Amino acid sequence: LLSGSFIVETFFTIPGIGYQSIRSILDRDYPVVQGLALLLATSFVLVNLIVDILYGVFDPRARVGEGSTKGTADKGPSAGNKKAAGAILAKGGA
């Protein structure tokens, strides 16, 4: 998505972060390139954090903690897997 903005803004000379990034790279304006990279990385991390938090708000199955991992995840291997592991060990396998 971000690379698309670089291409579209440069091709159509639309003023934006993508166009400014390409312009700064070509002009070797390193402080601006570093600032834009930091801005884009920070916004990417914040958007992902907000989306992860909203998953827990809108879908209770996605919540972490509060006993939400009820089921087989806490109980370890299933009975079928225990039998298979026992059979392998009885034959002298790994």
PDB file of N, CA and C in Angstrom:
ATOM      1  N   LEU A   1       0.832  -1.191   0.000  1.00  0.00           N
ATOM      2  CA  LEU A   1       0.000   0.000   0.000  1.00  0.00           C
ATOM      3  C   LEU A   1       0.878   1.257   0.000  1.00  0.00           C
ATOM      4  N   LEU A   2       1.929   1.238   0.807  1.00  0.00           N
ATOM      5  CA  LEU A   2       2.799   2.409   0.852  1.00  0.00           C
ATOM      6  C   LEU A   2       3.590   2.570  -0.435  1.00  0.00           C
ATOM      7  N   SER A   3       4.048   1.460  -1.004  1.00  0.00           N
ATOM      8  CA  SER A   3       4.813   1.557  -2.252  1.00  0.00           C
ATOM      9  C   SER A   3       3.935   2.057  -3.394  1.00  0.00           C
ATOM     10  N   GLY A   4       2.642   1.738  -3.329  1.00  0.00           N
ATOM     11  CA  GLY A   4       1.725   2.245  -4.342  1.00  0.00           C
ATOM     12  C   GLY A   4       1.613   3.758  -4.305  1.00  0.00           C
ATOM     13  N   SER A   5       1.654   4.327  -3.096  1.00  0.00           N
ATOM     14  CA  SER A   5       1.585   5.790  -2.997  1.00  0.00           C
ATOM     15  C   SER A   5       2.842   6.428  -3.573  1.00  0.00           C
ATOM     16  N   PHE A   6       3.998   5.787  -3.396  1.00  0.00           N
ATOM     17  CA  PHE A   6       5.229   6.325  -3.985  1.00  0.00           C
ATOM     18  C   PHE A   6       5.114   6.368  -5.505  1.00  0.00           C
ATOM     19  N   ILE A   7       4.616   5.297  -6.085  1.00  0.00           N
ATOM     20  CA  ILE A   7       4.533   5.199  -7.547  1.00  0.00           C
ATOM     21  C   ILE A   7       3.487   6.158  -8.101  1.00  0.00           C
ATOM     22  N   VAL A   8       2.287   6.149  -7.526  1.00  0.00           N
ATOM     23  CA  VAL A   8       1.197   6.990  -8.039  1.00  0.00           C
ATOM     24  C   VAL A   8       1.520   8.470  -7.869  1.00  0.00           C
ATOM     25  N   GLU A   9       2.007   8.850  -6.686  1.00  0.00           N
ATOM     26  CA  GLU A   9       2.301  10.264  -6.447  1.00  0.00           C
ATOM     27  C   GLU A   9       3.447  10.760  -7.322  1.00  0.00           C
ATOM     28  N   THR A  10       4.420   9.910  -7.574  1.00  0.00           N
ATOM     29  CA  THR A  10       5.531  10.315  -8.436  1.00  0.00           C
ATOM     30  C   THR A  10       5.087  10.393  -9.887  1.00  0.00           C
ATOM     31  N   PHE A  11       4.317   9.421 -10.342  1.00  0.00           N
ATOM     32  CA  PHE A  11       3.879   9.382 -11.739  1.00  0.00           C
ATOM     33  C   PHE A  11       2.983  10.572 -12.073  1.00  0.00           C
ATOM     34  N   PHE A  12       2.051  10.898 -11.175  1.00  0.00           N
ATOM     35  CA  PHE A  12       1.113  11.990 -11.438  1.00  0.00           C
ATOM     36  C   PHE A  12       1.535  13.305 -10.783  1.00  0.00           C
ATOM     37  N   THR A  13       2.725  13.355 -10.192  1.00  0.00           N
ATOM     38  CA  THR A  13       3.258  14.521  -9.463  1.00  0.00           C
ATOM     39  C   THR A  13       2.237  15.094  -8.477  1.00  0.00           C
ATOM     40  N   ILE A  14       1.643  14.202  -7.704  1.00  0.00           N
ATOM     41  CA  ILE A  14       0.716  14.608  -6.653  1.00  0.00           C
ATOM     42  C   ILE A  14       1.535  14.864  -5.393  1.00  0.00           C
ATOM     43  N   PRO A  15       1.404  16.035  -4.790  1.00  0.00           N
ATOM     44  CA  PRO A  15       2.181  16.286  -3.575  1.00  0.00           C
ATOM     45  C   PRO A  15       1.671  15.426  -2.418  1.00  0.00           C
ATOM     46  N   GLY A  16       2.567  14.662  -1.840  1.00  0.00           N
ATOM     47  CA  GLY A  16       2.221  13.793  -0.732  1.00  0.00           C
ATOM     48  C   GLY A  16       3.479  13.195  -0.133  1.00  0.00           C
ATOM     49  N   ILE A  17       3.304  12.273   0.799  1.00  0.00           N
ATOM     50  CA  ILE A  17       4.454  11.677   1.475  1.00  0.00           C
ATOM     51  C   ILE A  17       5.275  10.834   0.499  1.00  0.00           C
ATOM     52  N   GLY A  18       4.618  10.104  -0.386  1.00  0.00           N
ATOM     53  CA  GLY A  18       5.341   9.285  -1.359  1.00  0.00           C
ATOM     54  C   GLY A  18       6.186  10.130  -2.295  1.00  0.00           C
ATOM     55  N   TYR A  19       5.593  11.188  -2.821  1.00  0.00           N
ATOM     56  CA  TYR A  19       6.325  12.081  -3.729  1.00  0.00           C
ATOM     57  C   TYR A  19       7.468  12.770  -2.994  1.00  0.00           C
ATOM     58  N   GLN A  20       7.217  13.213  -1.762  1.00  0.00           N
ATOM     59  CA  GLN A  20       8.256  13.874  -0.979  1.00  0.00           C
ATOM     60  C   GLN A  20       9.399  12.905  -0.674  1.00  0.00           C
ATOM     61  N   SER A  21       9.088  11.658  -0.414  1.00  0.00           N
ATOM     62  CA  SER A  21      10.118  10.660  -0.138  1.00  0.00           C
ATOM     63  C   SER A  21      11.019  10.453  -1.349  1.00  0.00           C
ATOM     64  N   ILE A  22      10.416  10.271  -2.510  1.00  0.00           N
ATOM     65  CA  ILE A  22      11.196  10.071  -3.728  1.00  0.00           C
ATOM     66  C   ILE A  22      12.033  11.300  -4.030  1.00  0.00           C
ATOM     67  N   ARG A  23      11.439  12.480  -3.884  1.00  0.00           N
ATOM     68  CA  ARG A  23      12.158  13.745  -4.136  1.00  0.00           C
ATOM     69  C   ARG A  23      13.358  13.875  -3.190  1.00  0.00           C
ATOM     70  N   SER A  24      13.157  13.529  -1.917  1.00  0.00           N
ATOM     71  CA  SER A  24      14.230  13.642  -0.935  1.00  0.00           C
ATOM     72  C   SER A  24      15.338  12.629  -1.199  1.00  0.00           C
ATOM     73  N   ILE A  25      14.959  11.434  -1.644  1.00  0.00           N
ATOM     74  CA  ILE A  25      15.975  10.429  -1.973  1.00  0.00           C
ATOM     75  C   ILE A  25      16.807  10.890  -3.159  1.00  0.00           C
ATOM     76  N   LEU A  26      16.148  11.415  -4.182  1.00  0.00           N
ATOM     77  CA  LEU A  26      16.873  11.883  -5.360  1.00  0.00           C
ATOM     78  C   LEU A  26      17.746  13.099  -5.059  1.00  0.00           C
ATOM     79  N   ASP A  27      17.293  13.960  -4.142  1.00  0.00           N
ATOM     80  CA  ASP A  27      18.071  15.152  -3.764  1.00  0.00           C
ATOM     81  C   ASP A  27      19.095  14.853  -2.679  1.00  0.00           C
ATOM     82  N   ARG A  28      19.128  13.617  -2.201  1.00  0.00           N
ATOM     83  CA  ARG A  28      20.024  13.178  -1.117  1.00  0.00           C
ATOM     84  C   ARG A  28      19.849  14.027   0.143  1.00  0.00           C
ATOM     85  N   ASP A  29      18.602  14.290   0.452  1.00  0.00           N
ATOM     86  CA  ASP A  29      18.262  15.045   1.662  1.00  0.00           C
ATOM     87  C   ASP A  29      17.999  14.030   2.774  1.00  0.00           C
ATOM     88  N   TYR A  30      19.074  13.541   3.386  1.00  0.00           N
ATOM     89  CA  TYR A  30      18.995  12.425   4.317  1.00  0.00           C
ATOM     90  C   TYR A  30      18.166  12.700   5.574  1.00  0.00           C
ATOM     91  N   PRO A  31      18.219  13.881   6.176  1.00  0.00           N
ATOM     92  CA  PRO A  31      17.357  14.102   7.348  1.00  0.00           C
ATOM     93  C   PRO A  31      15.866  13.974   7.027  1.00  0.00           C
ATOM     94  N   VAL A  32      15.460  14.427   5.865  1.00  0.00           N
ATOM     95  CA  VAL A  32      14.056  14.307   5.481  1.00  0.00           C
ATOM     96  C   VAL A  32      13.705  12.846   5.223  1.00  0.00           C
ATOM     97  N   VAL A  33      14.603  12.108   4.577  1.00  0.00           N
ATOM     98  CA  VAL A  33      14.369  10.683   4.325  1.00  0.00           C
ATOM     99  C   VAL A  33      14.237   9.935   5.646  1.00  0.00           C
ATOM    100  N   GLN A  34      15.109  10.230   6.607  1.00  0.00           N
ATOM    101  CA  GLN A  34      15.045   9.576   7.914  1.00  0.00           C
ATOM    102  C   GLN A  34      13.751   9.930   8.641  1.00  0.00           C
ATOM    103  N   GLY A  35      13.370  11.194   8.580  1.00  0.00           N
ATOM    104  CA  GLY A  35      12.130  11.626   9.231  1.00  0.00           C
ATOM    105  C   GLY A  35      10.904  10.970   8.627  1.00  0.00           C
ATOM    106  N   LEU A  36      10.864  10.892   7.308  1.00  0.00           N
ATOM    107  CA  LEU A  36       9.727  10.248   6.648  1.00  0.00           C
ATOM    108  C   LEU A  36       9.690   8.749   6.935  1.00  0.00           C
ATOM    109  N   ALA A  37      10.865   8.119   6.974  1.00  0.00           N
ATOM    110  CA  ALA A  37      10.904   6.687   7.302  1.00  0.00           C
ATOM    111  C   ALA A  37      10.413   6.458   8.727  1.00  0.00           C
ATOM    112  N   LEU A  38      10.812   7.308   9.648  1.00  0.00           N
ATOM    113  CA  LEU A  38      10.359   7.188  11.034  1.00  0.00           C
ATOM    114  C   LEU A  38       8.850   7.431  11.131  1.00  0.00           C
ATOM    115  N   LEU A  39       8.360   8.424  10.418  1.00  0.00           N
ATOM    116  CA  LEU A  39       6.924   8.719  10.416  1.00  0.00           C
ATOM    117  C   LEU A  39       6.113   7.545   9.862  1.00  0.00           C
ATOM    118  N   LEU A  40       6.548   6.992   8.740  1.00  0.00           N
ATOM    119  CA  LEU A  40       5.820   5.883   8.130  1.00  0.00           C
ATOM    120  C   LEU A  40       5.881   4.632   9.000  1.00  0.00           C
ATOM    121  N   ALA A  41       7.034   4.338   9.588  1.00  0.00           N
ATOM    122  CA  ALA A  41       7.150   3.155  10.446  1.00  0.00           C
ATOM    123  C   ALA A  41       6.292   3.299  11.700  1.00  0.00           C
ATOM    124  N   THR A  42       6.306   4.488  12.299  1.00  0.00           N
ATOM    125  CA  THR A  42       5.505   4.724  13.505  1.00  0.00           C
ATOM    126  C   THR A  42       4.018   4.620  13.198  1.00  0.00           C
ATOM    127  N   SER A  43       3.594   5.199  12.095  1.00  0.00           N
ATOM    128  CA  SER A  43       2.172   5.121  11.745  1.00  0.00           C
ATOM    129  C   SER A  43       1.764   3.683  11.435  1.00  0.00           C
ATOM    130  N   PHE A  44       2.635   2.925  10.794  1.00  0.00           N
ATOM    131  CA  PHE A  44       2.347   1.521  10.492  1.00  0.00           C
ATOM    132  C   PHE A  44       2.174   0.714  11.777  1.00  0.00           C
ATOM    133  N   VAL A  45       3.064   0.919  12.747  1.00  0.00           N
ATOM    134  CA  VAL A  45       2.986   0.192  14.024  1.00  0.00           C
ATOM    135  C   VAL A  45       1.734   0.606  14.794  1.00  0.00           C
ATOM    136  N   LEU A  46       1.426   1.897  14.836  1.00  0.00           N
ATOM    137  CA  LEU A  46       0.249   2.362  15.566  1.00  0.00           C
ATOM    138  C   LEU A  46      -1.055   1.847  14.953  1.00  0.00           C
ATOM    139  N   VAL A  47      -1.137   1.843  13.639  1.00  0.00           N
ATOM    140  CA  VAL A  47      -2.346   1.334  12.986  1.00  0.00           C
ATOM    141  C   VAL A  47      -2.522  -0.153  13.293  1.00  0.00           C
ATOM    142  N   ASN A  48      -1.430  -0.929  13.243  1.00  0.00           N
ATOM    143  CA  ASN A  48      -1.525  -2.355  13.571  1.00  0.00           C
ATOM    144  C   ASN A  48      -1.909  -2.574  15.024  1.00  0.00           C
ATOM    145  N   LEU A  49      -1.400  -1.751  15.935  1.00  0.00           N
ATOM    146  CA  LEU A  49      -1.762  -1.861  17.346  1.00  0.00           C
ATOM    147  C   LEU A  49      -3.247  -1.578  17.553  1.00  0.00           C
ATOM    148  N   ILE A  50      -3.743  -0.533  16.912  1.00  0.00           N
ATOM    149  CA  ILE A  50      -5.160  -0.178  17.039  1.00  0.00           C
ATOM    150  C   ILE A  50      -6.042  -1.292  16.475  1.00  0.00           C
ATOM    151  N   VAL A  51      -5.654  -1.864  15.352  1.00  0.00           N
ATOM    152  CA  VAL A  51      -6.428  -2.955  14.758  1.00  0.00           C
ATOM    153  C   VAL A  51      -6.430  -4.170  15.687  1.00  0.00           C
ATOM    154  N   ASP A  52      -5.290  -4.500  16.283  1.00  0.00           N
ATOM    155  CA  ASP A  52      -5.229  -5.633  17.209  1.00  0.00           C
ATOM    156  C   ASP A  52      -6.115  -5.412  18.429  1.00  0.00           C
ATOM    157  N   ILE A  53      -6.134  -4.208  18.946  1.00  0.00           N
ATOM    158  CA  ILE A  53      -6.983  -3.897  20.098  1.00  0.00           C
ATOM    159  C   ILE A  53      -8.458  -3.983  19.703  1.00  0.00           C
ATOM    160  N   LEU A  54      -8.800  -3.480  18.530  1.00  0.00           N
ATOM    161  CA  LEU A  54     -10.193  -3.525  18.081  1.00  0.00           C
ATOM    162  C   LEU A  54     -10.663  -4.950  17.810  1.00  0.00           C
ATOM    163  N   TYR A  55      -9.761  -5.839  17.420  1.00  0.00           N
ATOM    164  CA  TYR A  55     -10.138  -7.251  17.270  1.00  0.00           C
ATOM    165  C   TYR A  55     -10.684  -7.789  18.585  1.00  0.00           C
ATOM    166  N   GLY A  56     -10.006  -7.486  19.684  1.00  0.00           N
ATOM    167  CA  GLY A  56     -10.461  -7.948  20.990  1.00  0.00           C
ATOM    168  C   GLY A  56     -11.769  -7.318  21.416  1.00  0.00           C
ATOM    169  N   VAL A  57     -12.006  -6.085  21.009  1.00  0.00           N
ATOM    170  CA  VAL A  57     -13.243  -5.393  21.373  1.00  0.00           C
ATOM    171  C   VAL A  57     -14.434  -5.981  20.614  1.00  0.00           C
ATOM    172  N   PHE A  58     -14.261  -6.210  19.315  1.00  0.00           N
ATOM    173  CA  PHE A  58     -15.387  -6.650  18.493  1.00  0.00           C
ATOM    174  C   PHE A  58     -15.564  -8.163  18.436  1.00  0.00           C
ATOM    175  N   ASP A  59     -14.500  -8.915  18.689  1.00  0.00           N
ATOM    176  CA  ASP A  59     -14.587 -10.380  18.636  1.00  0.00           C
ATOM    177  C   ASP A  59     -14.059 -10.964  19.934  1.00  0.00           C
ATOM    178  N   PRO A  60     -14.941 -11.391  20.838  1.00  0.00           N
ATOM    179  CA  PRO A  60     -14.504 -11.898  22.142  1.00  0.00           C
ATOM    180  C   PRO A  60     -13.590 -13.114  22.051  1.00  0.00           C
ATOM    181  N   ARG A  61     -13.660 -13.868  20.968  1.00  0.00           N
ATOM    182  CA  ARG A  61     -12.788 -15.033  20.821  1.00  0.00           C
ATOM    183  C   ARG A  61     -11.330 -14.636  20.645  1.00  0.00           C
ATOM    184  N   ALA A  62     -11.063 -13.421  20.233  1.00  0.00           N
ATOM    185  CA  ALA A  62      -9.700 -12.972  19.984  1.00  0.00           C
ATOM    186  C   ALA A  62      -9.049 -12.348  21.215  1.00  0.00           C
ATOM    187  N   ARG A  63      -9.754 -12.289  22.328  1.00  0.00           N
ATOM    188  CA  ARG A  63      -9.206 -11.669  23.531  1.00  0.00           C
ATOM    189  C   ARG A  63      -8.128 -12.533  24.153  1.00  0.00           C
ATOM    190  N   VAL A  64      -7.179 -11.864  24.795  1.00  0.00           N
ATOM    191  CA  VAL A  64      -6.094 -12.553  25.481  1.00  0.00           C
ATOM    192  C   VAL A  64      -6.296 -12.372  26.979  1.00  0.00           C
ATOM    193  N   GLY A  65      -6.112 -13.463  27.741  1.00  0.00           N
ATOM    194  CA  GLY A  65      -6.285 -13.373  29.190  1.00  0.00           C
ATOM    195  C   GLY A  65      -7.728 -13.609  29.585  1.00  0.00           C
ATOM    196  N   GLU A  66      -8.020 -13.444  30.854  1.00  0.00           N
ATOM    197  CA  GLU A  66      -9.363 -13.593  31.414  1.00  0.00           C
ATOM    198  C   GLU A  66      -9.977 -14.952  31.100  1.00  0.00           C
ATOM    199  N   GLY A  67      -9.146 -16.004  31.010  1.00  0.00           N
ATOM    200  CA  GLY A  67      -9.669 -17.342  30.776  1.00  0.00           C
ATOM    201  C   GLY A  67     -10.253 -17.537  29.396  1.00  0.00           C
ATOM    202  N   SER A  68      -9.830 -16.740  28.435  1.00  0.00           N
ATOM    203  CA  SER A  68     -10.414 -16.838  27.107  1.00  0.00           C
ATOM    204  C   SER A  68      -9.845 -17.992  26.301  1.00  0.00           C
ATOM    205  N   THR A  69      -8.846 -18.673  26.830  1.00  0.00           N
ATOM    206  CA  THR A  69      -8.252 -19.781  26.084  1.00  0.00           C
ATOM    207  C   THR A  69      -8.817 -21.108  26.552  1.00  0.00           C
ATOM    208  N   LYS A  70     -10.096 -21.144  26.816  1.00  0.00           N
ATOM    209  CA  LYS A  70     -10.759 -22.377  27.225  1.00  0.00           C
ATOM    210  C   LYS A  70     -10.758 -23.350  26.058  1.00  0.00           C
ATOM    211  N   GLY A  71     -10.537 -24.595  26.358  1.00  0.00           N
ATOM    212  CA  GLY A  71     -10.567 -25.597  25.309  1.00  0.00           C
ATOM    213  C   GLY A  71      -9.296 -26.416  25.290  1.00  0.00           C
ATOM    214  N   THR A  72      -8.970 -26.890  24.124  1.00  0.00           N
ATOM    215  CA  THR A  72      -7.867 -27.833  23.997  1.00  0.00           C
ATOM    216  C   THR A  72      -6.500 -27.175  24.088  1.00  0.00           C
ATOM    217  N   ALA A  73      -6.415 -25.882  23.925  1.00  0.00           N
ATOM    218  CA  ALA A  73      -5.107 -25.229  23.921  1.00  0.00           C
ATOM    219  C   ALA A  73      -4.403 -25.368  25.262  1.00  0.00           C
ATOM    220  N   ASP A  74      -5.148 -25.392  26.365  1.00  0.00           N
ATOM    221  CA  ASP A  74      -4.536 -25.491  27.683  1.00  0.00           C
ATOM    222  C   ASP A  74      -4.280 -26.931  28.107  1.00  0.00           C
ATOM    223  N   LYS A  75      -4.862 -27.877  27.425  1.00  0.00           N
ATOM    224  CA  LYS A  75      -4.822 -29.254  27.892  1.00  0.00           C
ATOM    225  C   LYS A  75      -3.700 -30.073  27.289  1.00  0.00           C
ATOM    226  N   GLY A  76      -2.960 -29.526  26.371  1.00  0.00           N
ATOM    227  CA  GLY A  76      -1.852 -30.267  25.800  1.00  0.00           C
ATOM    228  C   GLY A  76      -2.305 -31.204  24.706  1.00  0.00           C
ATOM    229  N   PRO A  77      -1.517 -32.275  24.469  1.00  0.00           N
ATOM    230  CA  PRO A  77      -1.844 -33.172  23.369  1.00  0.00           C
ATOM    231  C   PRO A  77      -3.146 -33.924  23.610  1.00  0.00           C
ATOM    232  N   SER A  78      -3.834 -34.220  22.546  1.00  0.00           N
ATOM    233  CA  SER A  78      -5.098 -34.947  22.667  1.00  0.00           C
ATOM    234  C   SER A  78      -4.824 -36.414  22.972  1.00  0.00           C
ATOM    235  N   ALA A  79      -5.873 -37.150  23.301  1.00  0.00           N
ATOM    236  CA  ALA A  79      -5.731 -38.567  23.652  1.00  0.00           C
ATOM    237  C   ALA A  79      -5.168 -39.364  22.487  1.00  0.00           C
ATOM    238  N   GLY A  80      -5.576 -39.032  21.281  1.00  0.00           N
ATOM    239  CA  GLY A  80      -5.068 -39.732  20.103  1.00  0.00           C
ATOM    240  C   GLY A  80      -3.577 -39.528  19.930  1.00  0.00           C
ATOM    241  N   ASN A  81      -3.120 -38.315  20.167  1.00  0.00           N
ATOM    242  CA  ASN A  81      -1.690 -38.036  20.042  1.00  0.00           C
ATOM    243  C   ASN A  81      -0.898 -38.740  21.131  1.00  0.00           C
ATOM    244  N   LYS A  82      -1.466 -38.882  22.317  1.00  0.00           N
ATOM    245  CA  LYS A  82      -0.778 -39.590  23.411  1.00  0.00           C
ATOM    246  C   LYS A  82      -0.599 -41.053  23.045  1.00  0.00           C
ATOM    247  N   LYS A  83      -1.621 -41.661  22.452  1.00  0.00           N
ATOM    248  CA  LYS A  83      -1.517 -43.068  22.052  1.00  0.00           C
ATOM    249  C   LYS A  83      -0.455 -43.246  20.982  1.00  0.00           C
ATOM    250  N   ALA A  84      -0.443 -42.330  20.012  1.00  0.00           N
ATOM    251  CA  ALA A  84       0.539 -42.433  18.934  1.00  0.00           C
ATOM    252  C   ALA A  84       1.944 -42.243  19.473  1.00  0.00           C
ATOM    253  N   ALA A  85       2.121 -41.301  20.393  1.00  0.00           N
ATOM    254  CA  ALA A  85       3.436 -41.077  20.981  1.00  0.00           C
ATOM    255  C   ALA A  85       3.868 -42.287  21.803  1.00  0.00           C
ATOM    256  N   GLY A  86       2.930 -42.907  22.518  1.00  0.00           N
ATOM    257  CA  GLY A  86       3.251 -44.087  23.295  1.00  0.00           C
ATOM    258  C   GLY A  86       3.657 -45.243  22.415  1.00  0.00           C
ATOM    259  N   ALA A  87       2.998 -45.402  21.264  1.00  0.00           N
ATOM    260  CA  ALA A  87       3.321 -46.481  20.342  1.00  0.00           C
ATOM    261  C   ALA A  87       4.707 -46.282  19.748  1.00  0.00           C
ATOM    262  N   ILE A  88       5.052 -45.052  19.434  1.00  0.00           N
ATOM    263  CA  ILE A  88       6.372 -44.764  18.853  1.00  0.00           C
ATOM    264  C   ILE A  88       7.458 -45.056  19.897  1.00  0.00           C
ATOM    265  N   LEU A  89       7.228 -44.628  21.130  1.00  0.00           N
ATOM    266  CA  LEU A  89       8.213 -44.849  22.188  1.00  0.00           C
ATOM    267  C   LEU A  89       8.344 -46.331  22.524  1.00  0.00           C
ATOM    268  N   ALA A  90       7.248 -47.090  22.434  1.00  0.00           N
ATOM    269  CA  ALA A  90       7.281 -48.529  22.725  1.00  0.00           C
ATOM    270  C   ALA A  90       8.110 -49.279  21.687  1.00  0.00           C
ATOM    271  N   LYS A  91       8.130 -48.766  20.447  1.00  0.00           N
ATOM    272  CA  LYS A  91       8.904 -49.411  19.397  1.00  0.00           C
ATOM    273  C   LYS A  91      10.366 -48.982  19.421  1.00  0.00           C
ATOM    274  N   GLY A  92      10.707 -48.073  20.347  1.00  0.00           N
ATOM    275  CA  GLY A  92      12.093 -47.606  20.443  1.00  0.00           C
ATOM    276  C   GLY A  92      12.390 -46.436  19.515  1.00  0.00           C
ATOM    277  N   GLY A  93      11.353 -45.772  19.068  1.00  0.00           N
ATOM    278  CA  GLY A  93      11.546 -44.614  18.187  1.00  0.00           C
ATOM    279  C   GLY A  93      11.964 -43.388  18.963  1.00  0.00           C
ATOM    280  N   ALA A  94      12.021 -42.283  18.263  1.00  0.00           N
ATOM    281  CA  ALA A  94      12.466 -41.010  18.844  1.00  0.00           C
ATOM    282  C   ALA A  94      11.638 -40.694  20.023  1.00  0.00           C
TER     283      ALA A  94
END
